[in-house]
Amino acid sequence: MTQPADHPHAHAVHDSGATLCGELALDLRARLRAMEPGQVLRVIARDPAAPQDLPAWCEVTGHTLIHRDHPDYWIRRRND
């Protein structure tokens, strides 16, 4: 899977397929926990609720949504 040239650099990519946001939140928690603070995860989320759910999830968890272009979202892991 290639990264769009005009989007932020991602250290890893997670394609959630048709996963709904509830399960996606658990997947993201595990994926981001395995990454270093400050690293960026590109998430491909096709769930129609993702444009509302992912920014809210980032706000609640302290991670930073640095860019979004549905279905692509770039999340910077928080510094612990």
PDB file of N, CA and C in Angstrom:
ATOM      1  N   MET A   1       0.855  -1.176   0.000  1.00  0.00           N
ATOM      2  CA  MET A   1       0.000   0.000   0.000  1.00  0.00           C
ATOM      3  C   MET A   1       0.901   1.238   0.000  1.00  0.00           C
ATOM      4  N   THR A   2       0.695   2.119  -0.921  1.00  0.00           N
ATOM      5  CA  THR A   2       1.537   3.303  -1.024  1.00  0.00           C
ATOM      6  C   THR A   2       0.916   4.467  -0.273  1.00  0.00           C
ATOM      7  N   GLN A   3       1.772   5.377   0.088  1.00  0.00           N
ATOM      8  CA  GLN A   3       1.342   6.576   0.797  1.00  0.00           C
ATOM      9  C   GLN A   3       1.213   7.714  -0.197  1.00  0.00           C
ATOM     10  N   PRO A   4       0.103   8.460  -0.163  1.00  0.00           N
ATOM     11  CA  PRO A   4      -0.024   9.600  -1.076  1.00  0.00           C
ATOM     12  C   PRO A   4       1.123  10.587  -0.873  1.00  0.00           C
ATOM     13  N   ALA A   5       1.667  11.099  -1.961  1.00  0.00           N
ATOM     14  CA  ALA A   5       2.837  11.968  -1.897  1.00  0.00           C
ATOM     15  C   ALA A   5       2.576  13.272  -1.153  1.00  0.00           C
ATOM     16  N   ASP A   6       1.353  13.762  -1.180  1.00  0.00           N
ATOM     17  CA  ASP A   6       1.059  15.056  -0.567  1.00  0.00           C
ATOM     18  C   ASP A   6       0.498  14.934   0.852  1.00  0.00           C
ATOM     19  N   HIS A   7       0.672  13.780   1.476  1.00  0.00           N
ATOM     20  CA  HIS A   7       0.163  13.556   2.828  1.00  0.00           C
ATOM     21  C   HIS A   7       1.319  13.302   3.797  1.00  0.00           C
ATOM     22  N   PRO A   8       1.064  13.404   5.109  1.00  0.00           N
ATOM     23  CA  PRO A   8       2.129  13.227   6.101  1.00  0.00           C
ATOM     24  C   PRO A   8       2.783  11.843   6.005  1.00  0.00           C
ATOM     25  N   HIS A   9       4.043  11.790   6.395  1.00  0.00           N
ATOM     26  CA  HIS A   9       4.762  10.513   6.452  1.00  0.00           C
ATOM     27  C   HIS A   9       4.170   9.648   7.560  1.00  0.00           C
ATOM     28  N   ALA A  10       3.941   8.391   7.265  1.00  0.00           N
ATOM     29  CA  ALA A  10       3.440   7.459   8.272  1.00  0.00           C
ATOM     30  C   ALA A  10       4.499   6.395   8.531  1.00  0.00           C
ATOM     31  N   HIS A  11       4.682   6.049   9.799  1.00  0.00           N
ATOM     32  CA  HIS A  11       5.616   5.004  10.182  1.00  0.00           C
ATOM     33  C   HIS A  11       5.002   3.620  10.007  1.00  0.00           C
ATOM     34  N   ALA A  12       3.672   3.542  10.011  1.00  0.00           N
ATOM     35  CA  ALA A  12       2.957   2.274   9.851  1.00  0.00           C
ATOM     36  C   ALA A  12       1.579   2.569   9.269  1.00  0.00           C
ATOM     37  N   VAL A  13       0.975   1.534   8.683  1.00  0.00           N
ATOM     38  CA  VAL A  13      -0.352   1.661   8.089  1.00  0.00           C
ATOM     39  C   VAL A  13      -1.248   0.576   8.660  1.00  0.00           C
ATOM     40  N   HIS A  14      -2.473   0.963   8.997  1.00  0.00           N
ATOM     41  CA  HIS A  14      -3.479   0.011   9.467  1.00  0.00           C
ATOM     42  C   HIS A  14      -4.719   0.153   8.593  1.00  0.00           C
ATOM     43  N   ASP A  15      -4.996  -0.888   7.807  1.00  0.00           N
ATOM     44  CA  ASP A  15      -6.194  -0.892   6.962  1.00  0.00           C
ATOM     45  C   ASP A  15      -7.263  -1.657   7.717  1.00  0.00           C
ATOM     46  N   SER A  16      -8.269  -0.947   8.185  1.00  0.00           N
ATOM     47  CA  SER A  16      -9.298  -1.575   9.021  1.00  0.00           C
ATOM     48  C   SER A  16     -10.378  -2.260   8.209  1.00  0.00           C
ATOM     49  N   GLY A  17     -10.327  -2.156   6.884  1.00  0.00           N
ATOM     50  CA  GLY A  17     -11.349  -2.785   6.063  1.00  0.00           C
ATOM     51  C   GLY A  17     -12.720  -2.233   6.417  1.00  0.00           C
ATOM     52  N   ALA A  18     -13.663  -3.115   6.657  1.00  0.00           N
ATOM     53  CA  ALA A  18     -15.035  -2.704   6.993  1.00  0.00           C
ATOM     54  C   ALA A  18     -15.290  -2.700   8.496  1.00  0.00           C
ATOM     55  N   THR A  19     -14.230  -2.750   9.292  1.00  0.00           N
ATOM     56  CA  THR A  19     -14.365  -2.768  10.751  1.00  0.00           C
ATOM     57  C   THR A  19     -15.112  -1.531  11.231  1.00  0.00           C
ATOM     58  N   LEU A  20     -16.057  -1.732  12.128  1.00  0.00           N
ATOM     59  CA  LEU A  20     -16.785  -0.609  12.722  1.00  0.00           C
ATOM     60  C   LEU A  20     -15.921   0.048  13.777  1.00  0.00           C
ATOM     61  N   CYS A  21     -16.254   1.272  14.128  1.00  0.00           N
ATOM     62  CA  CYS A  21     -15.387   2.077  14.989  1.00  0.00           C
ATOM     63  C   CYS A  21     -15.170   1.490  16.384  1.00  0.00           C
ATOM     64  N   GLY A  22     -16.127   0.764  16.929  1.00  0.00           N
ATOM     65  CA  GLY A  22     -15.923   0.163  18.248  1.00  0.00           C
ATOM     66  C   GLY A  22     -14.751  -0.792  18.250  1.00  0.00           C
ATOM     67  N   GLU A  23     -14.726  -1.694  17.288  1.00  0.00           N
ATOM     68  CA  GLU A  23     -13.617  -2.643  17.168  1.00  0.00           C
ATOM     69  C   GLU A  23     -12.351  -1.939  16.702  1.00  0.00           C
ATOM     70  N   LEU A  24     -12.519  -0.956  15.830  1.00  0.00           N
ATOM     71  CA  LEU A  24     -11.370  -0.196  15.351  1.00  0.00           C
ATOM     72  C   LEU A  24     -10.659   0.501  16.502  1.00  0.00           C
ATOM     73  N   ALA A  25     -11.404   1.043  17.445  1.00  0.00           N
ATOM     74  CA  ALA A  25     -10.799   1.720  18.597  1.00  0.00           C
ATOM     75  C   ALA A  25      -9.885   0.776  19.370  1.00  0.00           C
ATOM     76  N   LEU A  26     -10.308  -0.469  19.539  1.00  0.00           N
ATOM     77  CA  LEU A  26      -9.471  -1.451  20.236  1.00  0.00           C
ATOM     78  C   LEU A  26      -8.225  -1.776  19.418  1.00  0.00           C
ATOM     79  N   ASP A  27      -8.392  -1.922  18.097  1.00  0.00           N
ATOM     80  CA  ASP A  27      -7.248  -2.183  17.224  1.00  0.00           C
ATOM     81  C   ASP A  27      -6.253  -1.026  17.267  1.00  0.00           C
ATOM     82  N   LEU A  28      -6.770   0.200  17.206  1.00  0.00           N
ATOM     83  CA  LEU A  28      -5.890   1.371  17.216  1.00  0.00           C
ATOM     84  C   LEU A  28      -5.134   1.490  18.522  1.00  0.00           C
ATOM     85  N   ARG A  29      -5.807   1.201  19.603  1.00  0.00           N
ATOM     86  CA  ARG A  29      -5.146   1.258  20.910  1.00  0.00           C
ATOM     87  C   ARG A  29      -3.927   0.344  20.927  1.00  0.00           C
ATOM     88  N   ALA A  30      -4.096  -0.883  20.453  1.00  0.00           N
ATOM     89  CA  ALA A  30      -2.993  -1.833  20.423  1.00  0.00           C
ATOM     90  C   ALA A  30      -1.898  -1.403  19.448  1.00  0.00           C
ATOM     91  N   ARG A  31      -2.288  -0.967  18.265  1.00  0.00           N
ATOM     92  CA  ARG A  31      -1.301  -0.557  17.259  1.00  0.00           C
ATOM     93  C   ARG A  31      -0.480   0.634  17.736  1.00  0.00           C
ATOM     94  N   LEU A  32      -1.146   1.647  18.279  1.00  0.00           N
ATOM     95  CA  LEU A  32      -0.433   2.844  18.735  1.00  0.00           C
ATOM     96  C   LEU A  32       0.419   2.546  19.961  1.00  0.00           C
ATOM     97  N   ARG A  33      -0.035   1.669  20.822  1.00  0.00           N
ATOM     98  CA  ARG A  33       0.740   1.304  22.005  1.00  0.00           C
ATOM     99  C   ARG A  33       2.064   0.655  21.607  1.00  0.00           C
ATOM    100  N   ALA A  34       2.073  -0.048  20.485  1.00  0.00           N
ATOM    101  CA  ALA A  34       3.284  -0.726  20.009  1.00  0.00           C
ATOM    102  C   ALA A  34       4.257   0.232  19.312  1.00  0.00           C
ATOM    103  N   MET A  35       3.819   1.446  19.034  1.00  0.00           N
ATOM    104  CA  MET A  35       4.654   2.423  18.334  1.00  0.00           C
ATOM    105  C   MET A  35       5.366   3.331  19.335  1.00  0.00           C
ATOM    106  N   GLU A  36       6.374   4.021  18.857  1.00  0.00           N
ATOM    107  CA  GLU A  36       7.108   4.983  19.683  1.00  0.00           C
ATOM    108  C   GLU A  36       6.319   6.285  19.779  1.00  0.00           C
ATOM    109  N   PRO A  37       6.422   6.998  20.915  1.00  0.00           N
ATOM    110  CA  PRO A  37       5.770   8.303  21.012  1.00  0.00           C
ATOM    111  C   PRO A  37       6.199   9.206  19.858  1.00  0.00           C
ATOM    112  N   GLY A  38       5.227   9.911  19.291  1.00  0.00           N
ATOM    113  CA  GLY A  38       5.501  10.827  18.190  1.00  0.00           C
ATOM    114  C   GLY A  38       5.422  10.200  16.809  1.00  0.00           C
ATOM    115  N   GLN A  39       5.424   8.875  16.731  1.00  0.00           N
ATOM    116  CA  GLN A  39       5.302   8.232  15.427  1.00  0.00           C
ATOM    117  C   GLN A  39       3.878   8.370  14.901  1.00  0.00           C
ATOM    118  N   VAL A  40       3.734   8.232  13.592  1.00  0.00           N
ATOM    119  CA  VAL A  40       2.447   8.441  12.928  1.00  0.00           C
ATOM    120  C   VAL A  40       1.929   7.124  12.340  1.00  0.00           C
ATOM    121  N   LEU A  41       0.667   6.864  12.607  1.00  0.00           N
ATOM    122  CA  LEU A  41      -0.034   5.702  12.061  1.00  0.00           C
ATOM    123  C   LEU A  41      -1.041   6.197  11.038  1.00  0.00           C
ATOM    124  N   ARG A  42      -0.944   5.669   9.825  1.00  0.00           N
ATOM    125  CA  ARG A  42      -1.961   5.966   8.806  1.00  0.00           C
ATOM    126  C   ARG A  42      -3.049   4.903   8.943  1.00  0.00           C
ATOM    127  N   VAL A  43      -4.262   5.347   9.146  1.00  0.00           N
ATOM    128  CA  VAL A  43      -5.393   4.454   9.317  1.00  0.00           C
ATOM    129  C   VAL A  43      -6.305   4.608   8.106  1.00  0.00           C
ATOM    130  N   ILE A  44      -6.669   3.490   7.525  1.00  0.00           N
ATOM    131  CA  ILE A  44      -7.647   3.494   6.437  1.00  0.00           C
ATOM    132  C   ILE A  44      -8.929   2.928   7.036  1.00  0.00           C
ATOM    133  N   ALA A  45      -9.920   3.792   7.203  1.00  0.00           N
ATOM    134  CA  ALA A  45     -11.170   3.429   7.879  1.00  0.00           C
ATOM    135  C   ALA A  45     -12.348   3.744   6.963  1.00  0.00           C
ATOM    136  N   ARG A  46     -12.992   2.703   6.470  1.00  0.00           N
ATOM    137  CA  ARG A  46     -14.102   2.889   5.531  1.00  0.00           C
ATOM    138  C   ARG A  46     -15.464   2.996   6.211  1.00  0.00           C
ATOM    139  N   ASP A  47     -15.511   2.831   7.514  1.00  0.00           N
ATOM    140  CA  ASP A  47     -16.772   2.960   8.259  1.00  0.00           C
ATOM    141  C   ASP A  47     -17.320   4.367   8.022  1.00  0.00           C
ATOM    142  N   PRO A  48     -18.603   4.490   7.640  1.00  0.00           N
ATOM    143  CA  PRO A  48     -19.173   5.818   7.387  1.00  0.00           C
ATOM    144  C   PRO A  48     -19.145   6.743   8.612  1.00  0.00           C
ATOM    145  N   ALA A  49     -19.030   6.184   9.802  1.00  0.00           N
ATOM    146  CA  ALA A  49     -18.992   7.002  11.019  1.00  0.00           C
ATOM    147  C   ALA A  49     -17.573   7.477  11.352  1.00  0.00           C
ATOM    148  N   ALA A  50     -16.572   6.989  10.646  1.00  0.00           N
ATOM    149  CA  ALA A  50     -15.180   7.340  10.952  1.00  0.00           C
ATOM    150  C   ALA A  50     -14.909   8.838  10.955  1.00  0.00           C
ATOM    151  N   PRO A  51     -15.468   9.629  10.031  1.00  0.00           N
ATOM    152  CA  PRO A  51     -15.175  11.068  10.058  1.00  0.00           C
ATOM    153  C   PRO A  51     -15.567  11.760  11.370  1.00  0.00           C
ATOM    154  N   GLN A  52     -16.534  11.220  12.073  1.00  0.00           N
ATOM    155  CA  GLN A  52     -16.908  11.778  13.375  1.00  0.00           C
ATOM    156  C   GLN A  52     -16.213  11.036  14.514  1.00  0.00           C
ATOM    157  N   ASP A  53     -16.127   9.712  14.402  1.00  0.00           N
ATOM    158  CA  ASP A  53     -15.627   8.892  15.502  1.00  0.00           C
ATOM    159  C   ASP A  53     -14.121   8.999  15.719  1.00  0.00           C
ATOM    160  N   LEU A  54     -13.340   8.996  14.653  1.00  0.00           N
ATOM    161  CA  LEU A  54     -11.886   9.030  14.844  1.00  0.00           C
ATOM    162  C   LEU A  54     -11.388  10.332  15.461  1.00  0.00           C
ATOM    163  N   PRO A  55     -11.854  11.510  15.035  1.00  0.00           N
ATOM    164  CA  PRO A  55     -11.422  12.728  15.737  1.00  0.00           C
ATOM    165  C   PRO A  55     -11.819  12.723  17.216  1.00  0.00           C
ATOM    166  N   ALA A  56     -13.018  12.231  17.515  1.00  0.00           N
ATOM    167  CA  ALA A  56     -13.456  12.169  18.916  1.00  0.00           C
ATOM    168  C   ALA A  56     -12.592  11.195  19.704  1.00  0.00           C
ATOM    169  N   TRP A  57     -12.273  10.051  19.110  1.00  0.00           N
ATOM    170  CA  TRP A  57     -11.434   9.061  19.786  1.00  0.00           C
ATOM    171  C   TRP A  57     -10.053   9.644  20.071  1.00  0.00           C
ATOM    172  N   CYS A  58      -9.488  10.363  19.109  1.00  0.00           N
ATOM    173  CA  CYS A  58      -8.178  10.988  19.320  1.00  0.00           C
ATOM    174  C   CYS A  58      -8.231  11.998  20.463  1.00  0.00           C
ATOM    175  N   GLU A  59      -9.274  12.789  20.496  1.00  0.00           N
ATOM    176  CA  GLU A  59      -9.410  13.787  21.560  1.00  0.00           C
ATOM    177  C   GLU A  59      -9.483  13.126  22.937  1.00  0.00           C
ATOM    178  N   VAL A  60     -10.233  12.063  23.035  1.00  0.00           N
ATOM    179  CA  VAL A  60     -10.408  11.362  24.317  1.00  0.00           C
ATOM    180  C   VAL A  60      -9.116  10.665  24.753  1.00  0.00           C
ATOM    181  N   THR A  61      -8.373  10.085  23.805  1.00  0.00           N
ATOM    182  CA  THR A  61      -7.189   9.300  24.144  1.00  0.00           C
ATOM    183  C   THR A  61      -5.904  10.114  24.222  1.00  0.00           C
ATOM    184  N   GLY A  62      -5.915  11.347  23.705  1.00  0.00           N
ATOM    185  CA  GLY A  62      -4.724  12.180  23.759  1.00  0.00           C
ATOM    186  C   GLY A  62      -3.808  12.040  22.562  1.00  0.00           C
ATOM    187  N   HIS A  63      -4.182  11.209  21.587  1.00  0.00           N
ATOM    188  CA  HIS A  63      -3.418  11.129  20.347  1.00  0.00           C
ATOM    189  C   HIS A  63      -3.841  12.298  19.455  1.00  0.00           C
ATOM    190  N   THR A  64      -3.024  12.622  18.463  1.00  0.00           N
ATOM    191  CA  THR A  64      -3.303  13.774  17.618  1.00  0.00           C
ATOM    192  C   THR A  64      -3.660  13.336  16.213  1.00  0.00           C
ATOM    193  N   LEU A  65      -4.827  13.740  15.763  1.00  0.00           N
ATOM    194  CA  LEU A  65      -5.217  13.524  14.377  1.00  0.00           C
ATOM    195  C   LEU A  65      -4.571  14.649  13.577  1.00  0.00           C
ATOM    196  N   ILE A  66      -3.530  14.321  12.819  1.00  0.00           N
ATOM    197  CA  ILE A  66      -2.776  15.376  12.143  1.00  0.00           C
ATOM    198  C   ILE A  66      -3.283  15.648  10.732  1.00  0.00           C
ATOM    199  N   HIS A  67      -3.992  14.689  10.156  1.00  0.00           N
ATOM    200  CA  HIS A  67      -4.542  14.905   8.817  1.00  0.00           C
ATOM    201  C   HIS A  67      -5.629  13.878   8.564  1.00  0.00           C
ATOM    202  N   ARG A  68      -6.644  14.286   7.807  1.00  0.00           N
ATOM    203  CA  ARG A  68      -7.671  13.321   7.410  1.00  0.00           C
ATOM    204  C   ARG A  68      -8.164  13.653   6.015  1.00  0.00           C
ATOM    205  N   ASP A  69      -8.402  12.591   5.300  1.00  0.00           N
ATOM    206  CA  ASP A  69      -8.903  12.661   3.939  1.00  0.00           C
ATOM    207  C   ASP A  69      -9.633  11.333   3.731  1.00  0.00           C
ATOM    208  N   HIS A  70     -10.854  11.264   4.262  1.00  0.00           N
ATOM    209  CA  HIS A  70     -11.595  10.003   4.341  1.00  0.00           C
ATOM    210  C   HIS A  70     -11.463   9.199   3.060  1.00  0.00           C
ATOM    211  N   PRO A  71     -11.065   7.943   3.150  1.00  0.00           N
ATOM    212  CA  PRO A  71     -11.009   7.074   4.319  1.00  0.00           C
ATOM    213  C   PRO A  71      -9.655   7.028   5.006  1.00  0.00           C
ATOM    214  N   ASP A  72      -8.757   7.964   4.705  1.00  0.00           N
ATOM    215  CA  ASP A  72      -7.417   7.963   5.294  1.00  0.00           C
ATOM    216  C   ASP A  72      -7.301   8.965   6.435  1.00  0.00           C
ATOM    217  N   TYR A  73      -6.659   8.507   7.519  1.00  0.00           N
ATOM    218  CA  TYR A  73      -6.475   9.322   8.723  1.00  0.00           C
ATOM    219  C   TYR A  73      -5.049   9.101   9.211  1.00  0.00           C
ATOM    220  N   TRP A  74      -4.356  10.180   9.565  1.00  0.00           N
ATOM    221  CA  TRP A  74      -3.006  10.097  10.094  1.00  0.00           C
ATOM    222  C   TRP A  74      -3.054  10.514  11.566  1.00  0.00           C
ATOM    223  N   ILE A  75      -2.647   9.597  12.437  1.00  0.00           N
ATOM    224  CA  ILE A  75      -2.712   9.807  13.875  1.00  0.00           C
ATOM    225  C   ILE A  75      -1.311   9.751  14.454  1.00  0.00           C
ATOM    226  N   ARG A  76      -0.927  10.842  15.159  1.00  0.00           N
ATOM    227  CA  ARG A  76       0.376  10.874  15.841  1.00  0.00           C
ATOM    228  C   ARG A  76       0.204  10.337  17.261  1.00  0.00           C
ATOM    229  N   ARG A  77       1.043   9.343  17.593  1.00  0.00           N
ATOM    230  CA  ARG A  77       0.983   8.747  18.923  1.00  0.00           C
ATOM    231  C   ARG A  77       1.369   9.786  19.964  1.00  0.00           C
ATOM    232  N   ARG A  78       0.619   9.787  21.034  1.00  0.00           N
ATOM    233  CA  ARG A  78       0.881  10.759  22.107  1.00  0.00           C
ATOM    234  C   ARG A  78       2.204  10.429  22.792  1.00  0.00           C
ATOM    235  N   ASN A  79       2.754  11.436  23.447  1.00  0.00           N
ATOM    236  CA  ASN A  79       3.953  11.248  24.262  1.00  0.00           C
ATOM    237  C   ASN A  79       3.491  10.846  25.651  1.00  0.00           C
ATOM    238  N   ASP A  80       3.961   9.703  26.091  1.00  0.00           N
ATOM    239  CA  ASP A  80       3.572   9.217  27.425  1.00  0.00           C
ATOM    240  C   ASP A  80       4.513   9.732  28.485  1.00  0.00           C
TER     241      ASP A  80
END
